[in-house]
């Protein structure tokens, strides 16, 4: 499960002071660096008025926002720009009794969607009893990432992100299935941003079957390629064929074959294309290609 970090701070800090304190970022490979960033987050969590004041200010000024300028959503509030290699965020977690939960459903708030993360982050319980999680651990290197793949998920515990609790969620190791809190809760996060992290897959899991259900982090490059291929640009088709053979990201290679398959007019043509994908040398792509071919022959 995420690494539990002991509480050490009694002082409170402003948002501005916290932004300055995390300017050096945090190195998740270094416990001392991570603890220093966590201490800054704890001091912010000790400030019991900053977030409410910020929300009131935002409500008063919201009519002045342009679409591009607003960094606020129904659940996540971005509290700072990227400073160093991280930024600050607050998350609001509704309970099952609230209208937004009943209207939008649990999955809109990522409840009941077991997943890992392709980034490290620190979190602190700020308000309320906190969302609950069933925590598991995985060995990321053992997972190829195709849908239905067996995954060894080691259960650790169920616990809540209570007020003041500090956790370090470790990229590609910690998995949690979140459950709604008993009442509205808020968490504060320091989110680490690594160059190239979008190319490292984040997975959803089926806990009953102990398997991978999907990859959760499609990137903009995949979307651009799919659109360009759908427009039947010759250059895009050539690039998709090239990327499908040798792009370092298996997810991007799969997107190339899926985009090309969408232009074909017969099952026989699609079967030939997915047969080529089976020979592409990437286990995830091989298994996904086999699944596509099996569906064509149903």
Protein backbone atom coordinates (compact mmCIF):
# COMPACT_ATOMS: atom_id res chain seq x y z
CA UNK A 1 0.00 0.00 0.00
CA UNK A 2 1.13 3.63 -0.12
CA UNK A 3 3.95 4.50 2.23
CA UNK A 4 2.55 6.01 5.44
CA UNK A 5 4.46 9.13 6.48
CA UNK A 6 4.52 10.13 10.14
CA UNK A 7 3.11 13.49 11.19
CA UNK A 8 5.89 15.83 12.32
CA UNK A 9 4.54 19.35 11.76
CA UNK A 10 2.52 21.48 14.16
CA UNK A 11 2.89 24.80 12.32
CA UNK A 12 0.57 25.95 9.51
CA UNK A 13 1.63 27.46 6.18
CA UNK A 14 -0.09 29.52 3.54
CA UNK A 15 -0.59 28.28 0.00
CA UNK A 16 2.06 30.71 -1.23
CA UNK A 17 4.56 29.47 1.35
CA UNK A 18 3.85 25.89 0.34
CA UNK A 19 4.39 26.64 -3.33
CA UNK A 20 7.78 28.12 -2.44
CA UNK A 21 8.60 25.11 -0.25
CA UNK A 22 8.01 22.58 -3.05
CA UNK A 23 9.93 24.53 -5.68
CA UNK A 24 12.71 21.96 -5.47
CA UNK A 25 10.15 19.20 -6.05
CA UNK A 26 10.46 15.81 -4.45
CA UNK A 27 12.42 12.77 -5.54
CA UNK A 28 10.32 9.66 -4.79
CA UNK A 29 13.48 7.57 -4.89
CA UNK A 30 14.81 9.50 -1.90
CA UNK A 31 12.91 9.11 1.39
CA UNK A 32 14.43 12.30 2.81
CA UNK A 33 13.32 14.35 -0.20
CA UNK A 34 9.85 12.83 -0.06
CA UNK A 35 9.55 13.46 3.69
CA UNK A 36 10.54 17.10 3.20
CA UNK A 37 7.82 17.59 0.60
CA UNK A 38 5.34 15.74 2.82
CA UNK A 39 6.19 18.09 5.70
CA UNK A 40 5.34 21.06 3.46
CA UNK A 41 2.04 19.41 2.56
CA UNK A 42 1.29 18.73 6.24
CA UNK A 43 1.87 22.38 7.13
CA UNK A 44 -0.59 23.38 4.39
CA UNK A 45 -3.11 20.83 5.70
CA UNK A 46 -2.71 22.43 9.15
CA UNK A 47 -4.03 25.68 7.65
CA UNK A 48 -7.73 25.16 8.29
CA UNK A 49 -8.96 28.26 6.42
CA UNK A 50 -6.98 28.59 3.17
CA UNK A 51 -9.10 26.29 1.01
CA UNK A 52 -12.44 27.68 2.14
CA UNK A 53 -11.17 31.21 1.56
CA UNK A 54 -9.94 30.21 -1.88
CA UNK A 55 -13.29 28.67 -2.79
CA UNK A 56 -15.21 31.76 -1.69
CA UNK A 57 -12.89 33.99 -3.70
CA UNK A 58 -13.35 31.75 -6.71
CA UNK A 59 -17.14 31.82 -6.39
CA UNK A 60 -17.09 35.61 -6.21
CA UNK A 61 -14.81 35.97 -9.25
CA UNK A 62 -15.95 32.98 -11.33
CA UNK A 63 -17.99 35.15 -13.67
CA UNK A 64 -14.73 36.81 -14.74
CA UNK A 65 -13.06 33.55 -15.77
CA UNK A 66 -12.40 32.62 -19.33
CA UNK A 67 -12.56 28.93 -20.18
CA UNK A 68 -8.78 28.81 -20.61
CA UNK A 69 -8.03 30.48 -17.29
CA UNK A 70 -10.13 28.29 -15.04
CA UNK A 71 -8.27 25.47 -13.29
CA UNK A 72 -11.29 24.38 -11.27
CA UNK A 73 -13.53 21.40 -11.90
CA UNK A 74 -16.36 19.64 -10.05
CA UNK A 75 -13.91 17.44 -8.12
CA UNK A 76 -10.31 18.59 -8.65
CA UNK A 77 -8.92 22.04 -7.87
CA UNK A 78 -5.45 22.85 -9.19
CA UNK A 79 -3.85 24.99 -6.49
CA UNK A 80 -0.57 25.94 -8.16
CA UNK A 81 1.19 25.99 -11.50
CA UNK A 82 3.93 23.46 -12.14
CA UNK A 83 6.86 24.36 -9.89
CA UNK A 84 9.96 22.30 -10.40
CA UNK A 85 8.61 18.85 -11.07
CA UNK A 86 5.34 19.04 -9.15
CA UNK A 87 2.14 20.98 -8.48
CA UNK A 88 -0.50 21.23 -5.75
CA UNK A 89 -4.07 19.99 -6.06
CA UNK A 90 -7.15 19.53 -3.87
CA UNK A 91 -9.76 16.82 -4.49
CA UNK A 92 -13.34 16.80 -3.24
CA UNK A 93 -14.81 13.38 -2.44
CA UNK A 94 -18.62 13.23 -2.18
CA UNK A 95 -20.46 10.62 -0.14
CA UNK A 96 -23.17 8.34 -1.51
CA UNK A 97 -25.89 10.53 -0.01
CA UNK A 98 -25.01 13.59 -2.09
CA UNK A 99 -26.87 14.68 -5.19
CA UNK A 100 -23.77 14.80 -7.39
CA UNK A 101 -23.01 11.17 -6.53
CA UNK A 102 -26.56 10.01 -7.24
CA UNK A 103 -26.70 11.98 -10.49
CA UNK A 104 -23.26 11.19 -11.92
CA UNK A 105 -22.62 7.75 -10.48
CA UNK A 106 -19.72 6.24 -8.59
CA UNK A 107 -17.37 5.89 -11.56
CA UNK A 108 -17.47 9.63 -12.24
CA UNK A 109 -15.49 9.97 -9.00
CA UNK A 110 -13.33 6.87 -9.67
CA UNK A 111 -15.06 4.94 -6.90
CA UNK A 112 -14.95 1.19 -7.41
CA UNK A 113 -12.38 1.44 -10.22
CA UNK A 114 -9.24 -0.38 -9.01
CA UNK A 115 -6.18 1.25 -10.56
CA UNK A 116 -2.51 2.03 -10.18
CA UNK A 117 -0.82 5.32 -11.11
CA UNK A 118 1.92 6.13 -13.58
CA UNK A 119 3.19 8.94 -11.34
CA UNK A 120 4.12 9.44 -7.70
CA UNK A 121 2.08 11.73 -5.49
CA UNK A 122 1.72 12.73 -1.87
CA UNK A 123 -1.70 13.08 -0.29
CA UNK A 124 -3.02 14.40 3.01
CA UNK A 125 -6.49 14.11 4.47
CA UNK A 126 -7.71 17.70 4.89
CA UNK A 127 -11.40 17.56 5.71
CA UNK A 128 -13.94 14.91 6.64
CA UNK A 129 -13.49 11.21 7.38
CA UNK A 130 -11.75 10.64 4.01
CA UNK A 131 -12.38 8.25 1.16
CA UNK A 132 -11.72 4.60 1.96
CA UNK A 133 -9.53 2.33 -0.14
CA UNK A 134 -8.83 -1.34 -0.52
CA UNK A 135 -5.06 -1.31 -1.03
CA UNK A 136 -3.06 -3.77 -3.11
CA UNK A 137 0.47 -3.99 -4.48
CA UNK A 138 1.67 -5.20 -7.89
CA UNK A 139 4.95 -5.95 -9.60
CA UNK A 140 4.60 -3.65 -12.60
CA UNK A 141 7.38 -5.29 -14.60
CA UNK A 142 5.44 -8.57 -14.60
CA UNK A 143 2.46 -7.00 -16.43
CA UNK A 144 2.40 -6.76 -20.22
CA UNK A 145 -0.84 -4.76 -20.16
CA UNK A 146 -3.27 -6.60 -22.43
CA UNK A 147 -6.94 -6.81 -21.49
CA UNK A 148 -7.74 -9.93 -19.52
CA UNK A 149 -4.13 -10.56 -18.48
CA UNK A 150 -3.73 -12.22 -15.11
CA UNK A 151 -2.18 -9.87 -12.54
CA UNK A 152 -0.89 -10.73 -9.10
CA UNK A 153 -2.60 -8.25 -6.78
CA UNK A 154 -1.45 -8.61 -3.19
CA UNK A 155 -4.09 -7.28 -0.78
CA UNK A 156 -2.68 -5.17 2.06
CA UNK A 157 -5.54 -3.48 3.92
CA UNK A 158 -8.66 -1.33 3.83
CA UNK A 159 -8.29 2.10 5.43
CA UNK A 160 -9.49 5.69 5.13
CA UNK A 161 -7.60 8.88 4.34
CA UNK A 162 -8.55 10.46 7.65
CA UNK A 163 -7.82 14.09 8.43
CA UNK A 164 -4.07 14.61 8.85
CA UNK A 165 -3.05 11.23 7.41
CA UNK A 166 -0.08 11.49 5.02
CA UNK A 167 0.55 8.93 2.28
CA UNK A 168 3.02 8.52 -0.56
CA UNK A 169 1.42 6.73 -3.51
CA UNK A 170 4.21 5.01 -5.40
CA UNK A 171 4.06 4.90 -9.20
CA UNK A 172 3.52 1.45 -10.73
CA UNK A 173 3.34 -0.27 -7.35
CA UNK A 174 0.35 0.82 -5.29
CA UNK A 175 -3.15 -0.11 -6.44
CA UNK A 176 -6.31 1.07 -4.73
CA UNK A 177 -10.02 0.64 -5.16
CA UNK A 178 -11.63 3.73 -3.68
CA UNK A 179 -14.92 3.74 -1.79
CA UNK A 180 -17.00 6.83 -0.98
CA UNK A 181 -16.42 8.49 2.39
CA UNK A 182 -19.18 8.55 4.98
CA UNK A 183 -19.51 12.29 4.40
CA UNK A 184 -17.96 14.92 2.15
CA UNK A 185 -14.18 14.85 2.35
CA UNK A 186 -11.24 16.74 0.87
CA UNK A 187 -7.68 15.65 0.20
CA UNK A 188 -4.62 17.72 -0.69
CA UNK A 189 -2.00 16.43 -3.09
CA UNK A 190 1.50 17.16 -4.31
CA UNK A 191 1.55 15.68 -7.80
CA UNK A 192 4.90 14.76 -9.35
CA UNK A 193 5.31 15.20 -13.10
CA UNK A 194 8.03 13.21 -14.86
CA UNK A 195 9.17 13.72 -18.44
CA UNK A 196 7.70 10.98 -20.59
CA UNK A 197 5.38 9.61 -17.89
CA UNK A 198 2.46 9.55 -20.35
CA UNK A 199 4.20 6.69 -22.18
CA UNK A 200 4.14 4.49 -19.07
CA UNK A 201 0.81 2.70 -18.84
CA UNK A 202 -1.65 3.06 -16.00
CA UNK A 203 -3.94 0.06 -15.55
CA UNK A 204 -7.43 -0.72 -14.37
CA UNK A 205 -7.99 -4.08 -12.66
CA UNK A 206 -10.76 -6.60 -12.05
CA UNK A 207 -10.29 -7.66 -8.43
CA UNK A 208 -12.60 -10.68 -8.66
CA UNK A 209 -10.74 -12.13 -11.62
CA UNK A 210 -7.33 -10.78 -10.68
CA UNK A 211 -6.80 -9.37 -14.17
CA UNK A 212 -6.08 -6.22 -16.17
CA UNK A 213 -9.23 -4.61 -17.56
CA UNK A 214 -7.83 -1.71 -19.54
CA UNK A 215 -5.16 0.94 -19.93
CA UNK A 216 -6.37 4.16 -18.34
CA UNK A 217 -4.09 6.84 -19.78
CA UNK A 218 -4.44 7.34 -23.54
CA UNK A 219 -2.25 10.25 -24.62
CA UNK A 220 -2.85 13.10 -27.04
CA UNK A 221 -0.45 11.61 -29.60
CA UNK A 222 -2.71 8.57 -29.96
CA UNK A 223 -5.73 10.81 -30.54
CA UNK A 224 -3.89 12.91 -33.11
CA UNK A 225 -2.79 9.80 -34.99
CA UNK A 226 -6.26 8.25 -34.98
CA UNK A 227 -7.80 11.46 -36.33
CA UNK A 228 -5.14 11.88 -39.02
CA UNK A 229 -5.54 8.28 -40.18
CA UNK A 230 -9.34 8.58 -40.19
CA UNK A 231 -8.96 11.57 -42.53
CA UNK A 232 -7.01 9.20 -44.83
CA UNK A 233 -3.92 11.35 -45.05
CA UNK A 234 -1.26 9.43 -46.99
CA UNK A 235 1.44 10.74 -44.66
CA UNK A 236 -0.59 9.65 -41.63
CA UNK A 237 -1.08 6.16 -43.04
CA UNK A 238 2.64 5.85 -43.72
CA UNK A 239 3.45 7.06 -40.21
CA UNK A 240 0.92 4.67 -38.65
CA UNK A 241 2.47 1.76 -40.53
CA UNK A 242 5.96 2.78 -39.38
CA UNK A 243 4.92 3.40 -35.76
CA UNK A 244 2.99 0.13 -35.71
CA UNK A 245 6.25 -1.69 -36.48
CA UNK A 246 8.77 0.03 -34.25
CA UNK A 247 7.36 2.67 -31.87
CA UNK A 248 8.77 2.09 -28.35
CA UNK A 249 5.28 2.38 -26.81
CA UNK A 250 3.16 -0.75 -27.22
CA UNK A 251 0.06 1.37 -26.58
CA UNK A 252 0.95 3.63 -29.50
CA UNK A 253 1.61 0.63 -31.73
CA UNK A 254 -1.82 -0.78 -30.86
CA UNK A 255 -3.44 2.58 -31.65
CA UNK A 256 -1.79 2.50 -35.08
CA UNK A 257 -3.25 -0.90 -35.92
CA UNK A 258 -6.67 0.05 -34.55
CA UNK A 259 -6.69 3.24 -36.65
CA UNK A 260 -5.71 1.39 -39.80
CA UNK A 261 -8.26 -1.37 -39.14
CA UNK A 262 -10.97 1.29 -39.02
CA UNK A 263 -10.38 2.10 -42.70
CA UNK A 264 -10.70 -1.48 -43.95
CA UNK A 265 -13.90 -2.74 -45.53
CA UNK A 266 -13.90 -6.47 -44.91
CA UNK A 267 -13.22 -8.88 -42.09
CA UNK A 268 -10.67 -10.64 -44.27
CA UNK A 269 -8.64 -7.44 -44.64
CA UNK A 270 -8.86 -6.75 -40.92
CA UNK A 271 -7.82 -10.33 -40.16
CA UNK A 272 -4.72 -9.92 -42.35
CA UNK A 273 -3.84 -6.66 -40.59
CA UNK A 274 -4.17 -8.14 -37.11
CA UNK A 275 -2.14 -11.17 -38.21
CA UNK A 276 0.66 -8.71 -39.01
CA UNK A 277 0.24 -7.23 -35.53
CA UNK A 278 0.73 -10.67 -34.02
CA UNK A 279 4.22 -10.66 -35.53
CA UNK A 280 5.13 -7.21 -34.23
CA UNK A 281 7.19 -8.50 -31.29
CA UNK A 282 5.30 -6.84 -28.41
CA UNK A 283 3.45 -9.19 -26.04
CA UNK A 284 0.65 -6.74 -25.24
CA UNK A 285 0.10 -6.08 -28.94
CA UNK A 286 0.23 -9.80 -29.76
CA UNK A 287 -2.47 -10.62 -27.21
CA UNK A 288 -4.67 -7.72 -28.28
CA UNK A 289 -4.29 -8.76 -31.94
CA UNK A 290 -5.27 -12.33 -31.06
CA UNK A 291 -8.37 -11.02 -29.31
CA UNK A 292 -9.33 -8.92 -32.36
CA UNK A 293 -8.89 -11.91 -34.67
CA UNK A 294 -10.92 -14.13 -32.36
CA UNK A 295 -13.77 -11.59 -32.40
CA UNK A 296 -13.69 -11.52 -36.23
CA UNK A 297 -14.18 -15.28 -36.32
CA UNK A 298 -17.11 -15.48 -33.93
